[in-house]
Amino acid sequence: MTLLLAIIGGIIWIVRKFGEIEKDLALFKETMDKRFSLLEQRVKYLEERPIYKTPVKPGDGDEHVSEVIEPEISVRNGETKE
């Protein structure tokens, strides 16, 4: 009789734990759906910006370079420039 009550109590405990886990998973899923929705909205916003709509090819922007900046090498007193 004691063994039967222990088995029934264990089954009830397991069912309750699975119920709690199911509630936690549902809450987690709802939270992730909200965050994913916000992420989708941000991506859509960025895709609609004009900067992403212009086609870019390799070498674009090179014509905008007005001068090439070369590093200057300074020589200290007593040293020679090679």
PDB file of N, CA and C in Angstrom:
ATOM      1  N   MET A   1       0.830  -1.195   0.000  1.00  0.00           N
ATOM      2  CA  MET A   1       0.000   0.000   0.000  1.00  0.00           C
ATOM      3  C   MET A   1       0.871   1.256   0.000  1.00  0.00           C
ATOM      4  N   THR A   2       1.917   1.270   0.818  1.00  0.00           N
ATOM      5  CA  THR A   2       2.814   2.427   0.892  1.00  0.00           C
ATOM      6  C   THR A   2       3.510   2.641  -0.442  1.00  0.00           C
ATOM      7  N   LEU A   3       3.925   1.557  -1.066  1.00  0.00           N
ATOM      8  CA  LEU A   3       4.590   1.637  -2.356  1.00  0.00           C
ATOM      9  C   LEU A   3       3.655   2.217  -3.412  1.00  0.00           C
ATOM     10  N   LEU A   4       2.395   1.831  -3.388  1.00  0.00           N
ATOM     11  CA  LEU A   4       1.403   2.346  -4.339  1.00  0.00           C
ATOM     12  C   LEU A   4       1.201   3.837  -4.149  1.00  0.00           C
ATOM     13  N   LEU A   5       1.121   4.300  -2.903  1.00  0.00           N
ATOM     14  CA  LEU A   5       0.966   5.736  -2.628  1.00  0.00           C
ATOM     15  C   LEU A   5       2.210   6.516  -3.079  1.00  0.00           C
ATOM     16  N   ALA A   6       3.399   5.932  -2.884  1.00  0.00           N
ATOM     17  CA  ALA A   6       4.630   6.588  -3.310  1.00  0.00           C
ATOM     18  C   ALA A   6       4.676   6.715  -4.828  1.00  0.00           C
ATOM     19  N   ILE A   7       4.250   5.681  -5.534  1.00  0.00           N
ATOM     20  CA  ILE A   7       4.233   5.719  -7.006  1.00  0.00           C
ATOM     21  C   ILE A   7       3.248   6.769  -7.499  1.00  0.00           C
ATOM     22  N   ILE A   8       2.069   6.804  -6.914  1.00  0.00           N
ATOM     23  CA  ILE A   8       1.052   7.796  -7.321  1.00  0.00           C
ATOM     24  C   ILE A   8       1.544   9.209  -7.015  1.00  0.00           C
ATOM     25  N   GLY A   9       2.157   9.396  -5.838  1.00  0.00           N
ATOM     26  CA  GLY A   9       2.711  10.712  -5.480  1.00  0.00           C
ATOM     27  C   GLY A   9       3.813  11.127  -6.450  1.00  0.00           C
ATOM     28  N   GLY A  10       4.657  10.181  -6.850  1.00  0.00           N
ATOM     29  CA  GLY A  10       5.719  10.474  -7.811  1.00  0.00           C
ATOM     30  C   GLY A  10       5.169  10.866  -9.168  1.00  0.00           C
ATOM     31  N   ILE A  11       4.126  10.174  -9.589  1.00  0.00           N
ATOM     32  CA  ILE A  11       3.493  10.499 -10.878  1.00  0.00           C
ATOM     33  C   ILE A  11       2.883  11.893 -10.834  1.00  0.00           C
ATOM     34  N   ILE A  12       2.219  12.211  -9.731  1.00  0.00           N
ATOM     35  CA  ILE A  12       1.613  13.547  -9.596  1.00  0.00           C
ATOM     36  C   ILE A  12       2.700  14.623  -9.622  1.00  0.00           C
ATOM     37  N   TRP A  13       3.814  14.376  -8.929  1.00  0.00           N
ATOM     38  CA  TRP A  13       4.912  15.331  -8.898  1.00  0.00           C
ATOM     39  C   TRP A  13       5.499  15.541 -10.300  1.00  0.00           C
ATOM     40  N   ILE A  14       5.679  14.462 -11.035  1.00  0.00           N
ATOM     41  CA  ILE A  14       6.231  14.547 -12.395  1.00  0.00           C
ATOM     42  C   ILE A  14       5.293  15.330 -13.312  1.00  0.00           C
ATOM     43  N   VAL A  15       3.999  15.070 -13.200  1.00  0.00           N
ATOM     44  CA  VAL A  15       3.021  15.787 -14.035  1.00  0.00           C
ATOM     45  C   VAL A  15       3.053  17.275 -13.728  1.00  0.00           C
ATOM     46  N   ARG A  16       3.150  17.637 -12.442  1.00  0.00           N
ATOM     47  CA  ARG A  16       3.215  19.055 -12.070  1.00  0.00           C
ATOM     48  C   ARG A  16       4.487  19.707 -12.625  1.00  0.00           C
ATOM     49  N   LYS A  17       5.613  19.006 -12.519  1.00  0.00           N
ATOM     50  CA  LYS A  17       6.868  19.561 -13.033  1.00  0.00           C
ATOM     51  C   LYS A  17       6.792  19.788 -14.542  1.00  0.00           C
ATOM     52  N   PHE A  18       6.234  18.838 -15.265  1.00  0.00           N
ATOM     53  CA  PHE A  18       6.083  19.010 -16.713  1.00  0.00           C
ATOM     54  C   PHE A  18       5.135  20.161 -17.029  1.00  0.00           C
ATOM     55  N   GLY A  19       4.117  20.374 -16.208  1.00  0.00           N
ATOM     56  CA  GLY A  19       3.205  21.510 -16.389  1.00  0.00           C
ATOM     57  C   GLY A  19       3.936  22.833 -16.209  1.00  0.00           C
ATOM     58  N   GLU A  20       4.799  22.891 -15.184  1.00  0.00           N
ATOM     59  CA  GLU A  20       5.584  24.111 -14.965  1.00  0.00           C
ATOM     60  C   GLU A  20       6.544  24.346 -16.125  1.00  0.00           C
ATOM     61  N   ILE A  21       7.171  23.294 -16.591  1.00  0.00           N
ATOM     62  CA  ILE A  21       8.098  23.422 -17.720  1.00  0.00           C
ATOM     63  C   ILE A  21       7.354  23.894 -18.962  1.00  0.00           C
ATOM     64  N   GLU A  22       6.157  23.375 -19.176  1.00  0.00           N
ATOM     65  CA  GLU A  22       5.366  23.777 -20.342  1.00  0.00           C
ATOM     66  C   GLU A  22       4.994  25.248 -20.270  1.00  0.00           C
ATOM     67  N   LYS A  23       4.647  25.737 -19.073  1.00  0.00           N
ATOM     68  CA  LYS A  23       4.322  27.158 -18.902  1.00  0.00           C
ATOM     69  C   LYS A  23       5.551  28.022 -19.180  1.00  0.00           C
ATOM     70  N   ASP A  24       6.709  27.589 -18.663  1.00  0.00           N
ATOM     71  CA  ASP A  24       7.941  28.341 -18.886  1.00  0.00           C
ATOM     72  C   ASP A  24       8.298  28.380 -20.372  1.00  0.00           C
ATOM     73  N   LEU A  25       8.117  27.263 -21.050  1.00  0.00           N
ATOM     74  CA  LEU A  25       8.415  27.223 -22.484  1.00  0.00           C
ATOM     75  C   LEU A  25       7.475  28.114 -23.281  1.00  0.00           C
ATOM     76  N   ALA A  26       6.213  28.158 -22.887  1.00  0.00           N
ATOM     77  CA  ALA A  26       5.245  29.022 -23.577  1.00  0.00           C
ATOM     78  C   ALA A  26       5.619  30.491 -23.392  1.00  0.00           C
ATOM     79  N   LEU A  27       6.021  30.855 -22.179  1.00  0.00           N
ATOM     80  CA  LEU A  27       6.433  32.233 -21.913  1.00  0.00           C
ATOM     81  C   LEU A  27       7.698  32.571 -22.697  1.00  0.00           C
ATOM     82  N   PHE A  28       8.640  31.635 -22.741  1.00  0.00           N
ATOM     83  CA  PHE A  28       9.871  31.832 -23.497  1.00  0.00           C
ATOM     84  C   PHE A  28       9.572  32.012 -24.983  1.00  0.00           C
ATOM     85  N   LYS A  29       8.683  31.192 -25.516  1.00  0.00           N
ATOM     86  CA  LYS A  29       8.321  31.276 -26.929  1.00  0.00           C
ATOM     87  C   LYS A  29       7.669  32.620 -27.244  1.00  0.00           C
ATOM     88  N   GLU A  30       6.797  33.080 -26.364  1.00  0.00           N
ATOM     89  CA  GLU A  30       6.138  34.360 -26.568  1.00  0.00           C
ATOM     90  C   GLU A  30       7.161  35.504 -26.565  1.00  0.00           C
ATOM     91  N   THR A  31       8.101  35.449 -25.645  1.00  0.00           N
ATOM     92  CA  THR A  31       9.142  36.475 -25.569  1.00  0.00           C
ATOM     93  C   THR A  31      10.011  36.464 -26.822  1.00  0.00           C
ATOM     94  N   MET A  32      10.394  35.276 -27.268  1.00  0.00           N
ATOM     95  CA  MET A  32      11.235  35.182 -28.460  1.00  0.00           C
ATOM     96  C   MET A  32      10.482  35.648 -29.707  1.00  0.00           C
ATOM     97  N   ASP A  33       9.197  35.365 -29.792  1.00  0.00           N
ATOM     98  CA  ASP A  33       8.401  35.826 -30.934  1.00  0.00           C
ATOM     99  C   ASP A  33       8.369  37.352 -30.983  1.00  0.00           C
ATOM    100  N   LYS A  34       8.224  37.991 -29.812  1.00  0.00           N
ATOM    101  CA  LYS A  34       8.200  39.453 -29.761  1.00  0.00           C
ATOM    102  C   LYS A  34       9.546  40.022 -30.199  1.00  0.00           C
ATOM    103  N   ARG A  35      10.630  39.433 -29.689  1.00  0.00           N
ATOM    104  CA  ARG A  35      11.960  39.927 -30.051  1.00  0.00           C
ATOM    105  C   ARG A  35      12.246  39.702 -31.531  1.00  0.00           C
ATOM    106  N   PHE A  36      11.840  38.570 -32.061  1.00  0.00           N
ATOM    107  CA  PHE A  36      12.050  38.278 -33.477  1.00  0.00           C
ATOM    108  C   PHE A  36      11.260  39.253 -34.337  1.00  0.00           C
ATOM    109  N   SER A  37      10.049  39.579 -33.902  1.00  0.00           N
ATOM    110  CA  SER A  37       9.226  40.532 -34.635  1.00  0.00           C
ATOM    111  C   SER A  37       9.900  41.902 -34.665  1.00  0.00           C
ATOM    112  N   LEU A  38      10.447  42.332 -33.528  1.00  0.00           N
ATOM    113  CA  LEU A  38      11.152  43.617 -33.492  1.00  0.00           C
ATOM    114  C   LEU A  38      12.379  43.587 -34.400  1.00  0.00           C
ATOM    115  N   LEU A  39      13.085  42.483 -34.414  1.00  0.00           N
ATOM    116  CA  LEU A  39      14.252  42.345 -35.280  1.00  0.00           C
ATOM    117  C   LEU A  39      13.849  42.408 -36.751  1.00  0.00           C
ATOM    118  N   GLU A  40      12.762  41.745 -37.103  1.00  0.00           N
ATOM    119  CA  GLU A  40      12.272  41.796 -38.486  1.00  0.00           C
ATOM    120  C   GLU A  40      11.907  43.217 -38.881  1.00  0.00           C
ATOM    121  N   GLN A  41      11.287  43.966 -37.966  1.00  0.00           N
ATOM    122  CA  GLN A  41      10.921  45.352 -38.260  1.00  0.00           C
ATOM    123  C   GLN A  41      12.167  46.206 -38.500  1.00  0.00           C
ATOM    124  N   ARG A  42      13.203  45.988 -37.692  1.00  0.00           N
ATOM    125  CA  ARG A  42      14.426  46.768 -37.854  1.00  0.00           C
ATOM    126  C   ARG A  42      15.115  46.432 -39.174  1.00  0.00           C
ATOM    127  N   VAL A  43      15.136  45.160 -39.533  1.00  0.00           N
ATOM    128  CA  VAL A  43      15.755  44.760 -40.799  1.00  0.00           C
ATOM    129  C   VAL A  43      14.990  45.361 -41.967  1.00  0.00           C
ATOM    130  N   LYS A  44      13.670  45.326 -41.902  1.00  0.00           N
ATOM    131  CA  LYS A  44      12.841  45.898 -42.970  1.00  0.00           C
ATOM    132  C   LYS A  44      13.106  47.396 -43.088  1.00  0.00           C
ATOM    133  N   TYR A  45      13.236  48.083 -41.962  1.00  0.00           N
ATOM    134  CA  TYR A  45      13.522  49.513 -41.959  1.00  0.00           C
ATOM    135  C   TYR A  45      14.865  49.782 -42.640  1.00  0.00           C
ATOM    136  N   LEU A  46      15.884  48.980 -42.298  1.00  0.00           N
ATOM    137  CA  LEU A  46      17.198  49.180 -42.897  1.00  0.00           C
ATOM    138  C   LEU A  46      17.197  48.860 -44.385  1.00  0.00           C
ATOM    139  N   GLU A  47      16.436  47.850 -44.793  1.00  0.00           N
ATOM    140  CA  GLU A  47      16.359  47.502 -46.207  1.00  0.00           C
ATOM    141  C   GLU A  47      15.706  48.594 -47.026  1.00  0.00           C
ATOM    142  N   GLU A  48      14.801  49.350 -46.426  1.00  0.00           N
ATOM    143  CA  GLU A  48      14.088  50.403 -47.148  1.00  0.00           C
ATOM    144  C   GLU A  48      14.884  51.703 -47.229  1.00  0.00           C
ATOM    145  N   ARG A  49      15.989  51.790 -46.506  1.00  0.00           N
ATOM    146  CA  ARG A  49      16.803  53.002 -46.562  1.00  0.00           C
ATOM    147  C   ARG A  49      17.471  53.113 -47.933  1.00  0.00           C
ATOM    148  N   PRO A  50      17.627  54.316 -48.446  1.00  0.00           N
ATOM    149  CA  PRO A  50      18.161  54.496 -49.798  1.00  0.00           C
ATOM    150  C   PRO A  50      19.590  53.979 -49.975  1.00  0.00           C
ATOM    151  N   ILE A  51      20.375  53.958 -48.932  1.00  0.00           N
ATOM    152  CA  ILE A  51      21.769  53.527 -49.075  1.00  0.00           C
ATOM    153  C   ILE A  51      21.852  52.075 -49.523  1.00  0.00           C
ATOM    154  N   TYR A  52      20.887  51.265 -49.155  1.00  0.00           N
ATOM    155  CA  TYR A  52      20.902  49.857 -49.531  1.00  0.00           C
ATOM    156  C   TYR A  52      20.273  49.610 -50.900  1.00  0.00           C
ATOM    157  N   LYS A  53      19.615  50.610 -51.471  1.00  0.00           N
ATOM    158  CA  LYS A  53      18.941  50.420 -52.750  1.00  0.00           C
ATOM    159  C   LYS A  53      19.835  50.756 -53.942  1.00  0.00           C
ATOM    160  N   THR A  54      20.954  51.449 -53.716  1.00  0.00           N
ATOM    161  CA  THR A  54      21.825  51.797 -54.829  1.00  0.00           C
ATOM    162  C   THR A  54      22.790  50.656 -55.100  1.00  0.00           C
ATOM    163  N   PRO A  55      22.946  50.276 -56.363  1.00  0.00           N
ATOM    164  CA  PRO A  55      23.893  49.195 -56.672  1.00  0.00           C
ATOM    165  C   PRO A  55      25.336  49.676 -56.497  1.00  0.00           C
ATOM    166  N   VAL A  56      26.132  48.877 -55.888  1.00  0.00           N
ATOM    167  CA  VAL A  56      27.530  49.216 -55.647  1.00  0.00           C
ATOM    168  C   VAL A  56      28.395  48.210 -56.382  1.00  0.00           C
ATOM    169  N   LYS A  57      29.386  48.732 -57.102  1.00  0.00           N
ATOM    170  CA  LYS A  57      30.300  47.879 -57.856  1.00  0.00           C
ATOM    171  C   LYS A  57      31.703  48.051 -57.298  1.00  0.00           C
ATOM    172  N   PRO A  58      32.557  47.066 -57.490  1.00  0.00           N
ATOM    173  CA  PRO A  58      33.946  47.235 -57.035  1.00  0.00           C
ATOM    174  C   PRO A  58      34.585  48.433 -57.719  1.00  0.00           C
ATOM    175  N   GLY A  59      35.276  49.246 -56.967  1.00  0.00           N
ATOM    176  CA  GLY A  59      35.925  50.432 -57.511  1.00  0.00           C
ATOM    177  C   GLY A  59      35.088  51.683 -57.380  1.00  0.00           C
ATOM    178  N   ASP A  60      33.804  51.553 -57.023  1.00  0.00           N
ATOM    179  CA  ASP A  60      32.976  52.741 -56.817  1.00  0.00           C
ATOM    180  C   ASP A  60      33.550  53.552 -55.670  1.00  0.00           C
ATOM    181  N   GLY A  61      33.544  54.824 -55.844  1.00  0.00           N
ATOM    182  CA  GLY A  61      34.040  55.693 -54.799  1.00  0.00           C
ATOM    183  C   GLY A  61      35.473  56.126 -55.029  1.00  0.00           C
ATOM    184  N   ASP A  62      36.177  55.467 -55.953  1.00  0.00           N
ATOM    185  CA  ASP A  62      37.560  55.832 -56.216  1.00  0.00           C
ATOM    186  C   ASP A  62      37.661  57.225 -56.837  1.00  0.00           C
ATOM    187  N   GLU A  63      36.655  57.621 -57.590  1.00  0.00           N
ATOM    188  CA  GLU A  63      36.706  58.934 -58.240  1.00  0.00           C
ATOM    189  C   GLU A  63      36.535  60.072 -57.232  1.00  0.00           C
ATOM    190  N   HIS A  64      36.104  59.758 -56.028  1.00  0.00           N
ATOM    191  CA  HIS A  64      35.898  60.776 -55.011  1.00  0.00           C
ATOM    192  C   HIS A  64      37.177  61.078 -54.231  1.00  0.00           C
ATOM    193  N   VAL A  65      38.221  60.287 -54.461  1.00  0.00           N
ATOM    194  CA  VAL A  65      39.481  60.512 -53.756  1.00  0.00           C
ATOM    195  C   VAL A  65      40.198  61.649 -54.448  1.00  0.00           C
ATOM    196  N   SER A  66      40.389  62.758 -53.754  1.00  0.00           N
ATOM    197  CA  SER A  66      40.999  63.924 -54.389  1.00  0.00           C
ATOM    198  C   SER A  66      42.510  63.922 -54.270  1.00  0.00           C
ATOM    199  N   GLU A  67      43.051  63.323 -53.241  1.00  0.00           N
ATOM    200  CA  GLU A  67      44.498  63.276 -53.098  1.00  0.00           C
ATOM    201  C   GLU A  67      44.884  62.017 -52.336  1.00  0.00           C
ATOM    202  N   VAL A  68      46.080  61.591 -52.585  1.00  0.00           N
ATOM    203  CA  VAL A  68      46.597  60.423 -51.886  1.00  0.00           C
ATOM    204  C   VAL A  68      47.487  60.909 -50.763  1.00  0.00           C
ATOM    205  N   ILE A  69      47.235  60.465 -49.577  1.00  0.00           N
ATOM    206  CA  ILE A  69      48.028  60.888 -48.425  1.00  0.00           C
ATOM    207  C   ILE A  69      49.137  59.869 -48.226  1.00  0.00           C
ATOM    208  N   GLU A  70      50.353  60.342 -48.320  1.00  0.00           N
ATOM    209  CA  GLU A  70      51.505  59.459 -48.131  1.00  0.00           C
ATOM    210  C   GLU A  70      52.099  59.734 -46.761  1.00  0.00           C
ATOM    211  N   PRO A  71      52.531  58.692 -46.072  1.00  0.00           N
ATOM    212  CA  PRO A  71      53.126  58.917 -44.750  1.00  0.00           C
ATOM    213  C   PRO A  71      54.471  59.636 -44.872  1.00  0.00           C
ATOM    214  N   GLU A  72      54.723  60.514 -43.944  1.00  0.00           N
ATOM    215  CA  GLU A  72      55.996  61.227 -43.924  1.00  0.00           C
ATOM    216  C   GLU A  72      56.924  60.521 -42.947  1.00  0.00           C
ATOM    217  N   ILE A  73      58.159  60.326 -43.377  1.00  0.00           N
ATOM    218  CA  ILE A  73      59.147  59.692 -42.516  1.00  0.00           C
ATOM    219  C   ILE A  73      60.108  60.772 -42.064  1.00  0.00           C
ATOM    220  N   SER A  74      60.152  61.013 -40.787  1.00  0.00           N
ATOM    221  CA  SER A  74      61.055  62.045 -40.279  1.00  0.00           C
ATOM    222  C   SER A  74      62.372  61.407 -39.849  1.00  0.00           C
ATOM    223  N   VAL A  75      63.433  62.160 -39.976  1.00  0.00           N
ATOM    224  CA  VAL A  75      64.765  61.670 -39.624  1.00  0.00           C
ATOM    225  C   VAL A  75      65.227  62.414 -38.383  1.00  0.00           C
ATOM    226  N   ARG A  76      65.639  61.670 -37.379  1.00  0.00           N
ATOM    227  CA  ARG A  76      66.147  62.280 -36.154  1.00  0.00           C
ATOM    228  C   ARG A  76      67.607  62.705 -36.374  1.00  0.00           C
ATOM    229  N   ASN A  77      68.066  63.557 -35.513  1.00  0.00           N
ATOM    230  CA  ASN A  77      69.461  64.008 -35.593  1.00  0.00           C
ATOM    231  C   ASN A  77      70.395  62.818 -35.434  1.00  0.00           C
ATOM    232  N   GLY A  78      71.342  62.690 -36.297  1.00  0.00           N
ATOM    233  CA  GLY A  78      72.340  61.625 -36.209  1.00  0.00           C
ATOM    234  C   GLY A  78      71.926  60.359 -36.950  1.00  0.00           C
ATOM    235  N   GLU A  79      70.717  60.265 -37.454  1.00  0.00           N
ATOM    236  CA  GLU A  79      70.280  59.089 -38.190  1.00  0.00           C
ATOM    237  C   GLU A  79      70.249  59.408 -39.677  1.00  0.00           C
ATOM    238  N   THR A  80      70.378  58.404 -40.479  1.00  0.00           N
ATOM    239  CA  THR A  80      70.300  58.607 -41.914  1.00  0.00           C
ATOM    240  C   THR A  80      69.020  57.980 -42.442  1.00  0.00           C
ATOM    241  N   LYS A  81      68.482  58.552 -43.464  1.00  0.00           N
ATOM    242  CA  LYS A  81      67.257  58.047 -44.098  1.00  0.00           C
ATOM    243  C   LYS A  81      67.637  57.060 -45.166  1.00  0.00           C
ATOM    244  N   GLU A  82      67.121  55.842 -45.097  1.00  0.00           N
ATOM    245  CA  GLU A  82      67.450  54.819 -46.080  1.00  0.00           C
ATOM    246  C   GLU A  82      66.385  54.684 -47.112  1.00  0.00           C
TER     247      GLU A  82
END
